[in-house]
């Protein structure tokens, strides 16, 4: 599985994000290994009023729960959209 991420790690990322106060739901996620570094891209559903705070809290939760994570991209959306896996 070149660059592929185990389903248990993907579940852990989604659970870490879902625990953030203000996140309605995880709309999508993509993760991959780049050498020994785990990269994650998540999209969460939230009103734009507190998007910056939610995004920063999501980043913090992800890096706290997944020590191998070295880069993360968090997008906050107030509309329903999904990113392909």
C-alpha atoms as a PDB file:
ATOM      1  CA  UNK A   1       0.000   0.000   0.000  1.00  0.00           C
ATOM      2  CA  UNK A   2       2.241   2.765  -1.308  1.00  0.00           C
ATOM      3  CA  UNK A   3       1.213   6.014   0.390  1.00  0.00           C
ATOM      4  CA  UNK A   4      -2.041   4.419   1.559  1.00  0.00           C
ATOM      5  CA  UNK A   5      -3.293   5.008   5.063  1.00  0.00           C
ATOM      6  CA  UNK A   6      -4.707   2.211   7.190  1.00  0.00           C
ATOM      7  CA  UNK A   7      -8.463   2.492   7.864  1.00  0.00           C
ATOM      8  CA  UNK A   8      -7.829   2.595  11.636  1.00  0.00           C
ATOM      9  CA  UNK A   9      -5.729   5.756  11.262  1.00  0.00           C
ATOM     10  CA  UNK A  10      -8.380   7.366   9.050  1.00  0.00           C
ATOM     11  CA  UNK A  11     -10.988   6.526  11.701  1.00  0.00           C
ATOM     12  CA  UNK A  12      -8.747   8.066  14.374  1.00  0.00           C
ATOM     13  CA  UNK A  13      -8.401  11.283  12.346  1.00  0.00           C
ATOM     14  CA  UNK A  14     -12.180  11.496  11.849  1.00  0.00           C
ATOM     15  CA  UNK A  15     -12.811  10.843  15.573  1.00  0.00           C
ATOM     16  CA  UNK A  16     -10.301  13.518  16.612  1.00  0.00           C
ATOM     17  CA  UNK A  17     -12.003  16.037  14.326  1.00  0.00           C
ATOM     18  CA  UNK A  18     -15.521  15.033  15.414  1.00  0.00           C
ATOM     19  CA  UNK A  19     -14.623  15.739  19.073  1.00  0.00           C
ATOM     20  CA  UNK A  20     -14.069  19.441  18.332  1.00  0.00           C
ATOM     21  CA  UNK A  21     -16.834  21.623  19.723  1.00  0.00           C
ATOM     22  CA  UNK A  22     -18.503  23.407  16.828  1.00  0.00           C
ATOM     23  CA  UNK A  23     -17.893  20.766  14.166  1.00  0.00           C
ATOM     24  CA  UNK A  24     -21.267  19.585  12.876  1.00  0.00           C
ATOM     25  CA  UNK A  25     -19.823  16.746  10.801  1.00  0.00           C
ATOM     26  CA  UNK A  26     -16.766  15.660   8.847  1.00  0.00           C
ATOM     27  CA  UNK A  27     -17.726  16.139   5.210  1.00  0.00           C
ATOM     28  CA  UNK A  28     -14.621  14.526   3.775  1.00  0.00           C
ATOM     29  CA  UNK A  29     -11.086  13.457   4.426  1.00  0.00           C
ATOM     30  CA  UNK A  30      -8.008  12.399   2.501  1.00  0.00           C
ATOM     31  CA  UNK A  31      -4.800  11.167   4.057  1.00  0.00           C
ATOM     32  CA  UNK A  32      -1.567   9.749   2.739  1.00  0.00           C
ATOM     33  CA  UNK A  33       1.936   8.930   3.829  1.00  0.00           C
ATOM     34  CA  UNK A  34       4.833  10.904   2.400  1.00  0.00           C
ATOM     35  CA  UNK A  35       7.820   8.918   3.591  1.00  0.00           C
ATOM     36  CA  UNK A  36       7.473   8.811   7.381  1.00  0.00           C
ATOM     37  CA  UNK A  37       5.129  11.824   7.443  1.00  0.00           C
ATOM     38  CA  UNK A  38       1.354  11.549   7.502  1.00  0.00           C
ATOM     39  CA  UNK A  39      -0.543  14.226   5.572  1.00  0.00           C
ATOM     40  CA  UNK A  40      -4.249  14.855   6.201  1.00  0.00           C
ATOM     41  CA  UNK A  41      -6.842  16.997   4.443  1.00  0.00           C
ATOM     42  CA  UNK A  42     -10.261  17.312   6.100  1.00  0.00           C
ATOM     43  CA  UNK A  43     -13.425  19.278   5.361  1.00  0.00           C
ATOM     44  CA  UNK A  44     -15.799  20.052   8.223  1.00  0.00           C
ATOM     45  CA  UNK A  45     -19.291  21.540   8.230  1.00  0.00           C
ATOM     46  CA  UNK A  46     -19.629  24.709  10.280  1.00  0.00           C
ATOM     47  CA  UNK A  47     -21.038  28.213  10.034  1.00  0.00           C
ATOM     48  CA  UNK A  48     -18.437  30.762   9.011  1.00  0.00           C
ATOM     49  CA  UNK A  49     -18.870  32.866  12.165  1.00  0.00           C
ATOM     50  CA  UNK A  50     -16.231  30.924  14.087  1.00  0.00           C
ATOM     51  CA  UNK A  51     -14.475  29.112  11.249  1.00  0.00           C
ATOM     52  CA  UNK A  52     -10.938  30.156  12.247  1.00  0.00           C
ATOM     53  CA  UNK A  53     -11.354  28.939  15.828  1.00  0.00           C
ATOM     54  CA  UNK A  54     -12.852  25.640  14.709  1.00  0.00           C
ATOM     55  CA  UNK A  55     -10.086  25.075  12.129  1.00  0.00           C
ATOM     56  CA  UNK A  56      -7.339  25.751  14.675  1.00  0.00           C
ATOM     57  CA  UNK A  57      -8.957  23.445  17.238  1.00  0.00           C
ATOM     58  CA  UNK A  58      -9.314  20.723  14.583  1.00  0.00           C
ATOM     59  CA  UNK A  59      -5.592  21.046  13.729  1.00  0.00           C
ATOM     60  CA  UNK A  60      -4.686  20.820  17.412  1.00  0.00           C
ATOM     61  CA  UNK A  61      -6.852  17.718  18.003  1.00  0.00           C
ATOM     62  CA  UNK A  62      -5.458  15.958  14.929  1.00  0.00           C
ATOM     63  CA  UNK A  63      -1.818  16.548  15.887  1.00  0.00           C
ATOM     64  CA  UNK A  64      -2.493  15.542  19.507  1.00  0.00           C
ATOM     65  CA  UNK A  65      -4.133  12.243  18.509  1.00  0.00           C
ATOM     66  CA  UNK A  66      -1.926  11.262  15.566  1.00  0.00           C
ATOM     67  CA  UNK A  67       1.769  11.774  16.442  1.00  0.00           C
ATOM     68  CA  UNK A  68       2.939  10.854  12.919  1.00  0.00           C
ATOM     69  CA  UNK A  69       0.886  13.689  11.397  1.00  0.00           C
ATOM     70  CA  UNK A  70       3.272  16.309  10.079  1.00  0.00           C
ATOM     71  CA  UNK A  71       1.020  18.336   7.779  1.00  0.00           C
ATOM     72  CA  UNK A  72      -2.686  19.004   7.868  1.00  0.00           C
ATOM     73  CA  UNK A  73      -5.071  21.064   5.813  1.00  0.00           C
ATOM     74  CA  UNK A  74      -8.424  21.971   7.368  1.00  0.00           C
ATOM     75  CA  UNK A  75     -11.193  23.541   5.319  1.00  0.00           C
ATOM     76  CA  UNK A  76     -14.366  24.780   6.967  1.00  0.00           C
ATOM     77  CA  UNK A  77     -17.542  24.922   4.950  1.00  0.00           C
ATOM     78  CA  UNK A  78     -21.028  26.139   5.768  1.00  0.00           C
ATOM     79  CA  UNK A  79     -22.477  24.132   2.895  1.00  0.00           C
ATOM     80  CA  UNK A  80     -22.713  20.427   2.326  1.00  0.00           C
ATOM     81  CA  UNK A  81     -19.847  19.223   0.177  1.00  0.00           C
ATOM     82  CA  UNK A  82     -17.773  16.108   0.136  1.00  0.00           C
ATOM     83  CA  UNK A  83     -14.286  15.427  -1.088  1.00  0.00           C
ATOM     84  CA  UNK A  84     -13.531  12.086  -2.733  1.00  0.00           C
ATOM     85  CA  UNK A  85     -11.329   9.631  -0.905  1.00  0.00           C
END
